[in-house]
Amino acid sequence: MKASILKKPFEIAIEEVPTPVPKPDELLIQVKASAICGSDIKAYEGKHPLIRPPIILGHEFSGVIVKKGSQVNGFRVGERVVVEPSFVCGQCFFCQRMEYYLCGKLEQLGHQLPGSFAEYTVAKARFAYLLPNSTPFEKAALTQPLAISIHATQ
């Protein structure tokens, strides 16, 4: 698959890389739209403290399920989805309270893990949400920043 890889600050290359293989609890998603976040820009400039090149950036995206892990239920290949781009332990005090951003094992797509500036990416099925057919992929890619804004006002 083709992916946009941040090689070092101010240098991005389109390269052929292996298509990710979903783990038992993951979905392989064909990326249809991916937004550019402020964190992507900071990483491009070499100013993001948690993102180290080389890496595939991107975490605000929508797409279509093309494969599902052996333990995934409730989804079908071909369904449209958006995702929370988080990979967490699911067991700690904070995860039990759904405060995933405080999990000590938190990793995010496009930050510590290969992200959505690629033809395909993986996501934890528990953080995937079905997307209505009436919602364009481009608008759906903005779901994650909208969710953060809503969370900030609570």
N, C-alpha and C. Protein backbone atom coordinates (compact mmCIF):
# COMPACT_ATOMS: atom_id res chain seq x y z
N MET A 1 0.85 -1.18 0.00
CA MET A 1 0.00 0.00 0.00
C MET A 1 0.88 1.23 0.00
N LYS A 2 0.33 2.34 -0.44
CA LYS A 2 1.05 3.61 -0.40
C LYS A 2 0.73 4.33 0.90
N ALA A 3 1.74 5.00 1.43
CA ALA A 3 1.58 5.77 2.66
C ALA A 3 2.43 7.02 2.60
N SER A 4 1.97 8.05 3.25
CA SER A 4 2.70 9.29 3.39
C SER A 4 3.48 9.22 4.70
N ILE A 5 4.80 9.21 4.61
CA ILE A 5 5.63 9.00 5.79
C ILE A 5 6.41 10.27 6.10
N LEU A 6 6.26 10.72 7.35
CA LEU A 6 7.10 11.81 7.83
C LEU A 6 8.47 11.21 8.11
N LYS A 7 9.45 11.56 7.29
CA LYS A 7 10.80 11.00 7.40
C LYS A 7 11.62 11.73 8.46
N LYS A 8 11.49 13.05 8.48
CA LYS A 8 12.14 13.92 9.43
C LYS A 8 11.43 15.27 9.32
N PRO A 9 11.69 16.20 10.23
CA PRO A 9 10.99 17.49 10.11
C PRO A 9 11.11 18.08 8.70
N PHE A 10 9.98 18.50 8.20
CA PHE A 10 9.85 19.15 6.89
C PHE A 10 10.13 18.21 5.71
N GLU A 11 10.09 16.90 5.94
CA GLU A 11 10.29 15.96 4.84
C GLU A 11 9.28 14.82 4.91
N ILE A 12 8.41 14.77 3.91
CA ILE A 12 7.41 13.71 3.79
C ILE A 12 7.61 13.01 2.46
N ALA A 13 7.52 11.68 2.48
CA ALA A 13 7.68 10.90 1.25
C ALA A 13 6.51 9.93 1.11
N ILE A 14 6.07 9.74 -0.13
CA ILE A 14 5.07 8.72 -0.43
C ILE A 14 5.83 7.44 -0.74
N GLU A 15 5.57 6.40 0.04
CA GLU A 15 6.31 5.16 -0.12
C GLU A 15 5.37 3.96 -0.11
N GLU A 16 5.86 2.87 -0.66
CA GLU A 16 5.15 1.60 -0.61
C GLU A 16 5.56 0.91 0.70
N VAL A 17 4.56 0.55 1.51
CA VAL A 17 4.81 -0.12 2.79
C VAL A 17 3.85 -1.31 2.90
N PRO A 18 4.15 -2.27 3.77
CA PRO A 18 3.22 -3.40 3.92
C PRO A 18 1.86 -2.95 4.45
N THR A 19 0.81 -3.56 3.95
CA THR A 19 -0.53 -3.30 4.48
C THR A 19 -0.61 -3.89 5.87
N PRO A 20 -1.12 -3.12 6.85
CA PRO A 20 -1.19 -3.65 8.21
C PRO A 20 -2.11 -4.87 8.30
N VAL A 21 -1.82 -5.73 9.24
CA VAL A 21 -2.63 -6.92 9.48
C VAL A 21 -3.35 -6.71 10.81
N PRO A 22 -4.67 -6.79 10.83
CA PRO A 22 -5.38 -6.54 12.10
C PRO A 22 -5.15 -7.66 13.11
N LYS A 23 -4.97 -7.26 14.36
CA LYS A 23 -4.89 -8.22 15.47
C LYS A 23 -6.31 -8.72 15.74
N PRO A 24 -6.47 -9.72 16.60
CA PRO A 24 -7.80 -10.30 16.82
C PRO A 24 -8.89 -9.29 17.20
N ASP A 25 -8.54 -8.20 17.87
CA ASP A 25 -9.54 -7.21 18.31
C ASP A 25 -9.56 -5.96 17.44
N GLU A 26 -9.00 -6.05 16.24
CA GLU A 26 -8.88 -4.87 15.39
C GLU A 26 -9.60 -5.03 14.05
N LEU A 27 -9.80 -3.88 13.42
CA LEU A 27 -10.35 -3.80 12.07
C LEU A 27 -9.29 -3.24 11.13
N LEU A 28 -9.23 -3.77 9.93
CA LEU A 28 -8.43 -3.16 8.87
C LEU A 28 -9.38 -2.26 8.09
N ILE A 29 -9.01 -0.99 7.99
CA ILE A 29 -9.89 0.01 7.39
C ILE A 29 -9.22 0.64 6.17
N GLN A 30 -9.95 0.65 5.06
CA GLN A 30 -9.48 1.39 3.89
C GLN A 30 -9.84 2.85 4.13
N VAL A 31 -8.83 3.69 4.21
CA VAL A 31 -9.03 5.10 4.51
C VAL A 31 -9.66 5.78 3.29
N LYS A 32 -10.78 6.45 3.52
CA LYS A 32 -11.47 7.19 2.45
C LYS A 32 -11.25 8.69 2.57
N ALA A 33 -11.08 9.19 3.81
CA ALA A 33 -10.80 10.61 4.03
C ALA A 33 -10.04 10.74 5.35
N SER A 34 -9.07 11.63 5.35
CA SER A 34 -8.28 11.87 6.56
C SER A 34 -8.02 13.36 6.66
N ALA A 35 -8.34 13.92 7.81
CA ALA A 35 -8.13 15.35 8.03
C ALA A 35 -6.71 15.60 8.54
N ILE A 36 -6.27 16.83 8.43
CA ILE A 36 -4.97 17.24 8.96
C ILE A 36 -5.20 17.97 10.27
N CYS A 37 -4.62 17.43 11.33
CA CYS A 37 -4.76 17.99 12.67
C CYS A 37 -3.59 18.93 12.97
N GLY A 38 -3.78 19.77 13.94
CA GLY A 38 -2.68 20.63 14.39
C GLY A 38 -1.49 19.81 14.86
N SER A 39 -1.75 18.64 15.44
CA SER A 39 -0.62 17.80 15.89
C SER A 39 0.18 17.27 14.69
N ASP A 40 -0.48 17.05 13.56
CA ASP A 40 0.23 16.63 12.35
C ASP A 40 1.17 17.74 11.88
N ILE A 41 0.70 18.96 11.95
CA ILE A 41 1.52 20.10 11.54
C ILE A 41 2.71 20.27 12.48
N LYS A 42 2.45 20.16 13.79
CA LYS A 42 3.55 20.26 14.76
C LYS A 42 4.58 19.15 14.53
N ALA A 43 4.11 17.94 14.23
CA ALA A 43 5.04 16.84 13.95
C ALA A 43 5.85 17.14 12.69
N TYR A 44 5.20 17.64 11.66
CA TYR A 44 5.88 17.99 10.41
C TYR A 44 7.00 19.02 10.67
N GLU A 45 6.72 19.94 11.58
CA GLU A 45 7.70 20.98 11.92
C GLU A 45 8.74 20.48 12.92
N GLY A 46 8.60 19.25 13.42
CA GLY A 46 9.53 18.72 14.41
C GLY A 46 9.29 19.26 15.80
N LYS A 47 8.08 19.75 16.08
CA LYS A 47 7.78 20.40 17.35
C LYS A 47 6.82 19.62 18.25
N HIS A 48 6.43 18.41 17.85
CA HIS A 48 5.52 17.63 18.68
C HIS A 48 6.34 16.70 19.57
N PRO A 49 6.20 16.83 20.89
CA PRO A 49 7.05 16.06 21.79
C PRO A 49 6.79 14.55 21.81
N LEU A 50 5.63 14.11 21.32
CA LEU A 50 5.27 12.69 21.39
C LEU A 50 5.34 11.96 20.06
N ILE A 51 5.64 12.68 18.99
CA ILE A 51 5.67 12.06 17.66
C ILE A 51 7.10 12.08 17.15
N ARG A 52 7.62 10.89 16.87
CA ARG A 52 8.99 10.74 16.41
C ARG A 52 9.02 10.13 15.00
N PRO A 53 9.63 10.82 14.05
CA PRO A 53 9.77 10.23 12.72
C PRO A 53 10.75 9.06 12.75
N PRO A 54 10.69 8.16 11.81
CA PRO A 54 9.71 8.13 10.72
C PRO A 54 8.37 7.55 11.21
N ILE A 55 7.30 8.12 10.71
CA ILE A 55 5.95 7.67 11.09
C ILE A 55 4.93 8.09 10.04
N ILE A 56 3.88 7.29 9.93
CA ILE A 56 2.72 7.66 9.12
C ILE A 56 1.82 8.48 10.03
N LEU A 57 1.64 9.74 9.72
CA LEU A 57 0.79 10.61 10.53
C LEU A 57 -0.68 10.35 10.23
N GLY A 58 -1.56 11.08 10.91
CA GLY A 58 -3.00 11.04 10.65
C GLY A 58 -3.76 10.22 11.65
N HIS A 59 -4.83 10.81 12.18
CA HIS A 59 -5.69 10.09 13.13
C HIS A 59 -7.15 10.53 13.05
N GLU A 60 -7.46 11.54 12.28
CA GLU A 60 -8.84 12.00 12.09
C GLU A 60 -9.28 11.49 10.73
N PHE A 61 -10.04 10.38 10.71
CA PHE A 61 -10.32 9.76 9.43
C PHE A 61 -11.63 8.96 9.46
N SER A 62 -12.03 8.57 8.26
CA SER A 62 -13.18 7.68 8.08
C SER A 62 -12.83 6.72 6.96
N GLY A 63 -13.54 5.61 6.92
CA GLY A 63 -13.23 4.64 5.89
C GLY A 63 -14.17 3.46 5.89
N VAL A 64 -13.73 2.39 5.23
CA VAL A 64 -14.54 1.19 5.03
C VAL A 64 -13.78 -0.02 5.57
N ILE A 65 -14.47 -0.85 6.31
CA ILE A 65 -13.86 -2.07 6.85
C ILE A 65 -13.58 -3.03 5.70
N VAL A 66 -12.33 -3.49 5.61
CA VAL A 66 -11.97 -4.47 4.58
C VAL A 66 -11.60 -5.82 5.18
N LYS A 67 -11.32 -5.84 6.48
CA LYS A 67 -11.00 -7.10 7.15
C LYS A 67 -11.20 -6.90 8.64
N LYS A 68 -11.60 -7.97 9.32
CA LYS A 68 -11.77 -7.86 10.77
C LYS A 68 -11.04 -8.99 11.47
N GLY A 69 -10.55 -8.67 12.68
CA GLY A 69 -9.84 -9.65 13.47
C GLY A 69 -10.76 -10.77 13.92
N SER A 70 -10.16 -11.87 14.33
CA SER A 70 -10.90 -13.08 14.68
C SER A 70 -11.85 -12.91 15.86
N GLN A 71 -11.62 -11.94 16.72
CA GLN A 71 -12.47 -11.72 17.90
C GLN A 71 -13.48 -10.60 17.72
N VAL A 72 -13.53 -10.01 16.55
CA VAL A 72 -14.41 -8.86 16.32
C VAL A 72 -15.81 -9.33 15.96
N ASN A 73 -16.78 -8.83 16.71
CA ASN A 73 -18.20 -9.08 16.44
C ASN A 73 -18.89 -7.73 16.25
N GLY A 74 -20.03 -7.73 15.60
CA GLY A 74 -20.81 -6.51 15.47
C GLY A 74 -20.45 -5.64 14.28
N PHE A 75 -19.52 -6.06 13.48
CA PHE A 75 -19.16 -5.33 12.27
C PHE A 75 -19.09 -6.29 11.10
N ARG A 76 -19.30 -5.74 9.90
CA ARG A 76 -19.18 -6.54 8.69
C ARG A 76 -18.23 -5.85 7.72
N VAL A 77 -17.55 -6.64 6.95
CA VAL A 77 -16.70 -6.10 5.89
C VAL A 77 -17.60 -5.28 4.96
N GLY A 78 -17.13 -4.11 4.57
CA GLY A 78 -17.88 -3.22 3.69
C GLY A 78 -18.60 -2.11 4.44
N GLU A 79 -18.69 -2.20 5.77
CA GLU A 79 -19.36 -1.14 6.52
C GLU A 79 -18.46 0.08 6.64
N ARG A 80 -19.12 1.23 6.67
CA ARG A 80 -18.44 2.52 6.79
C ARG A 80 -18.28 2.86 8.26
N VAL A 81 -17.09 3.38 8.64
CA VAL A 81 -16.82 3.66 10.05
C VAL A 81 -16.00 4.93 10.24
N VAL A 82 -16.10 5.45 11.46
CA VAL A 82 -15.16 6.43 12.01
C VAL A 82 -14.61 5.78 13.27
N VAL A 83 -13.46 6.28 13.73
CA VAL A 83 -12.86 5.66 14.91
C VAL A 83 -12.30 6.69 15.88
N GLU A 84 -12.23 6.28 17.14
CA GLU A 84 -11.38 6.96 18.11
C GLU A 84 -10.00 6.35 17.88
N PRO A 85 -8.99 7.16 17.66
CA PRO A 85 -7.69 6.61 17.26
C PRO A 85 -6.82 6.14 18.42
N SER A 86 -7.43 5.64 19.47
CA SER A 86 -6.69 5.28 20.68
C SER A 86 -6.52 3.77 20.83
N PHE A 87 -5.36 3.39 21.31
CA PHE A 87 -5.09 2.01 21.70
C PHE A 87 -4.73 2.09 23.19
N VAL A 88 -5.56 1.52 24.04
CA VAL A 88 -5.37 1.59 25.49
C VAL A 88 -5.41 0.19 26.09
N CYS A 89 -5.04 0.09 27.37
CA CYS A 89 -4.99 -1.23 28.00
C CYS A 89 -6.38 -1.80 28.29
N GLY A 90 -7.35 -0.93 28.56
CA GLY A 90 -8.70 -1.38 28.85
C GLY A 90 -8.90 -1.94 30.25
N GLN A 91 -7.83 -2.01 31.04
CA GLN A 91 -7.90 -2.65 32.35
C GLN A 91 -7.64 -1.71 33.52
N CYS A 92 -6.91 -0.64 33.30
CA CYS A 92 -6.49 0.21 34.41
C CYS A 92 -7.67 1.01 34.98
N PHE A 93 -7.40 1.68 36.09
CA PHE A 93 -8.39 2.51 36.77
C PHE A 93 -9.02 3.50 35.80
N PHE A 94 -8.20 4.16 35.00
CA PHE A 94 -8.72 5.19 34.09
C PHE A 94 -9.54 4.59 32.95
N CYS A 95 -9.09 3.47 32.41
CA CYS A 95 -9.85 2.82 31.35
C CYS A 95 -11.20 2.35 31.87
N GLN A 96 -11.24 1.84 33.09
CA GLN A 96 -12.50 1.39 33.67
C GLN A 96 -13.48 2.54 33.83
N ARG A 97 -12.97 3.75 33.97
CA ARG A 97 -13.81 4.95 34.10
C ARG A 97 -14.01 5.64 32.75
N MET A 98 -13.54 4.99 31.65
CA MET A 98 -13.62 5.54 30.30
C MET A 98 -12.87 6.86 30.16
N GLU A 99 -11.84 7.04 30.95
CA GLU A 99 -10.96 8.20 30.86
C GLU A 99 -9.68 7.75 30.15
N TYR A 100 -9.86 7.32 28.91
CA TYR A 100 -8.80 6.68 28.15
C TYR A 100 -7.57 7.57 27.97
N TYR A 101 -7.77 8.86 27.90
CA TYR A 101 -6.67 9.79 27.70
C TYR A 101 -5.68 9.78 28.85
N LEU A 102 -6.05 9.16 29.99
CA LEU A 102 -5.16 9.07 31.15
C LEU A 102 -4.52 7.68 31.29
N CYS A 103 -4.83 6.77 30.41
CA CYS A 103 -4.26 5.42 30.47
C CYS A 103 -2.74 5.50 30.30
N GLY A 104 -2.02 4.83 31.17
CA GLY A 104 -0.56 4.82 31.10
C GLY A 104 -0.01 4.11 29.88
N LYS A 105 -0.83 3.31 29.21
CA LYS A 105 -0.38 2.59 28.02
C LYS A 105 -0.98 3.16 26.73
N LEU A 106 -1.55 4.34 26.81
CA LEU A 106 -2.18 4.97 25.65
C LEU A 106 -1.17 5.17 24.51
N GLU A 107 -1.58 4.70 23.34
CA GLU A 107 -0.87 4.98 22.09
C GLU A 107 -1.93 5.39 21.09
N GLN A 108 -1.57 6.31 20.21
CA GLN A 108 -2.55 6.78 19.24
C GLN A 108 -2.04 6.62 17.82
N LEU A 109 -3.00 6.35 16.95
CA LEU A 109 -2.68 6.31 15.52
C LEU A 109 -2.11 7.66 15.11
N GLY A 110 -1.05 7.62 14.35
CA GLY A 110 -0.44 8.85 13.86
C GLY A 110 0.45 9.55 14.87
N HIS A 111 0.51 9.02 16.08
CA HIS A 111 1.40 9.60 17.10
C HIS A 111 2.50 8.59 17.43
N GLN A 112 2.11 7.47 18.03
CA GLN A 112 3.07 6.41 18.33
C GLN A 112 2.89 5.21 17.40
N LEU A 113 1.76 5.14 16.73
CA LEU A 113 1.43 4.03 15.83
C LEU A 113 1.19 4.57 14.42
N PRO A 114 1.41 3.76 13.39
CA PRO A 114 1.15 4.22 12.03
C PRO A 114 -0.30 4.69 11.87
N GLY A 115 -0.47 5.84 11.25
CA GLY A 115 -1.78 6.47 11.18
C GLY A 115 -2.51 6.35 9.86
N SER A 116 -3.34 7.36 9.59
CA SER A 116 -4.31 7.30 8.49
C SER A 116 -3.89 8.02 7.22
N PHE A 117 -2.68 8.52 7.15
CA PHE A 117 -2.22 9.11 5.89
C PHE A 117 -1.66 7.97 5.03
N ALA A 118 -2.51 7.00 4.80
CA ALA A 118 -2.15 5.78 4.07
C ALA A 118 -3.42 5.21 3.44
N GLU A 119 -3.24 4.24 2.58
CA GLU A 119 -4.41 3.61 1.97
C GLU A 119 -5.21 2.79 2.98
N TYR A 120 -4.52 2.21 3.97
CA TYR A 120 -5.17 1.38 4.98
C TYR A 120 -4.56 1.67 6.34
N THR A 121 -5.35 1.49 7.38
CA THR A 121 -4.86 1.54 8.75
C THR A 121 -5.68 0.57 9.58
N VAL A 122 -5.23 0.32 10.79
CA VAL A 122 -5.99 -0.54 11.70
C VAL A 122 -6.54 0.30 12.84
N ALA A 123 -7.59 -0.21 13.47
CA ALA A 123 -8.18 0.45 14.62
C ALA A 123 -8.77 -0.61 15.54
N LYS A 124 -8.80 -0.31 16.82
CA LYS A 124 -9.45 -1.19 17.78
C LYS A 124 -10.95 -1.19 17.47
N ALA A 125 -11.53 -2.36 17.33
CA ALA A 125 -12.96 -2.46 17.00
C ALA A 125 -13.82 -1.80 18.08
N ARG A 126 -13.40 -1.87 19.33
CA ARG A 126 -14.21 -1.28 20.41
C ARG A 126 -14.31 0.23 20.31
N PHE A 127 -13.43 0.84 19.50
CA PHE A 127 -13.44 2.29 19.32
C PHE A 127 -13.87 2.67 17.91
N ALA A 128 -14.54 1.77 17.21
CA ALA A 128 -15.06 2.06 15.88
C ALA A 128 -16.57 2.27 15.95
N TYR A 129 -17.07 3.15 15.11
CA TYR A 129 -18.49 3.50 15.13
C TYR A 129 -19.00 3.51 13.69
N LEU A 130 -20.16 2.90 13.50
CA LEU A 130 -20.76 2.85 12.17
C LEU A 130 -21.11 4.25 11.69
N LEU A 131 -20.91 4.46 10.43
CA LEU A 131 -21.16 5.74 9.79
C LEU A 131 -22.36 5.61 8.87
N PRO A 132 -23.36 6.46 9.03
CA PRO A 132 -24.51 6.39 8.12
C PRO A 132 -24.09 6.62 6.67
N ASN A 133 -24.76 5.95 5.76
CA ASN A 133 -24.46 6.11 4.33
C ASN A 133 -24.65 7.54 3.85
N SER A 134 -25.50 8.30 4.55
CA SER A 134 -25.78 9.67 4.13
C SER A 134 -24.68 10.66 4.53
N THR A 135 -23.73 10.22 5.36
CA THR A 135 -22.66 11.12 5.80
C THR A 135 -21.44 10.96 4.89
N PRO A 136 -21.03 12.03 4.23
CA PRO A 136 -19.84 11.94 3.37
C PRO A 136 -18.59 11.63 4.19
N PHE A 137 -17.69 10.87 3.61
CA PHE A 137 -16.45 10.51 4.30
C PHE A 137 -15.68 11.75 4.76
N GLU A 138 -15.67 12.79 3.93
CA GLU A 138 -14.92 14.00 4.26
C GLU A 138 -15.45 14.65 5.54
N LYS A 139 -16.75 14.70 5.70
CA LYS A 139 -17.33 15.27 6.92
C LYS A 139 -17.10 14.33 8.10
N ALA A 140 -17.22 13.05 7.87
CA ALA A 140 -17.04 12.07 8.95
C ALA A 140 -15.62 12.11 9.51
N ALA A 141 -14.64 12.46 8.68
CA ALA A 141 -13.26 12.54 9.16
C ALA A 141 -13.09 13.59 10.25
N LEU A 142 -14.04 14.49 10.37
CA LEU A 142 -13.98 15.54 11.40
C LEU A 142 -14.71 15.14 12.68
N THR A 143 -15.16 13.91 12.78
CA THR A 143 -15.87 13.45 13.98
C THR A 143 -14.98 13.52 15.21
N GLN A 144 -13.75 13.08 15.11
CA GLN A 144 -12.85 13.06 16.27
C GLN A 144 -12.58 14.47 16.81
N PRO A 145 -12.24 15.46 15.99
CA PRO A 145 -12.07 16.81 16.56
C PRO A 145 -13.37 17.38 17.12
N LEU A 146 -14.50 17.04 16.52
CA LEU A 146 -15.79 17.49 17.07
C LEU A 146 -16.00 16.86 18.46
N ALA A 147 -15.70 15.59 18.59
CA ALA A 147 -15.87 14.92 19.88
C ALA A 147 -14.98 15.55 20.96
N ILE A 148 -13.77 15.91 20.58
CA ILE A 148 -12.87 16.56 21.55
C ILE A 148 -13.44 17.90 21.98
N SER A 149 -14.00 18.65 21.04
CA SER A 149 -14.60 19.95 21.37
C SER A 149 -15.77 19.78 22.32
N ILE A 150 -16.62 18.81 22.05
CA ILE A 150 -17.76 18.55 22.92
C ILE A 150 -17.29 18.14 24.31
N HIS A 151 -16.30 17.24 24.36
CA HIS A 151 -15.75 16.80 25.64
C HIS A 151 -15.19 17.97 26.45
N ALA A 152 -14.56 18.91 25.78
CA ALA A 152 -13.95 20.04 26.46
C ALA A 152 -14.99 20.94 27.12
N THR A 153 -16.22 20.94 26.63
CA THR A 153 -17.26 21.81 27.20
C THR A 153 -18.02 21.15 28.34
N GLN A 154 -17.73 19.89 28.61
CA GLN A 154 -18.47 19.20 29.68
C GLN A 154 -17.78 19.35 31.02
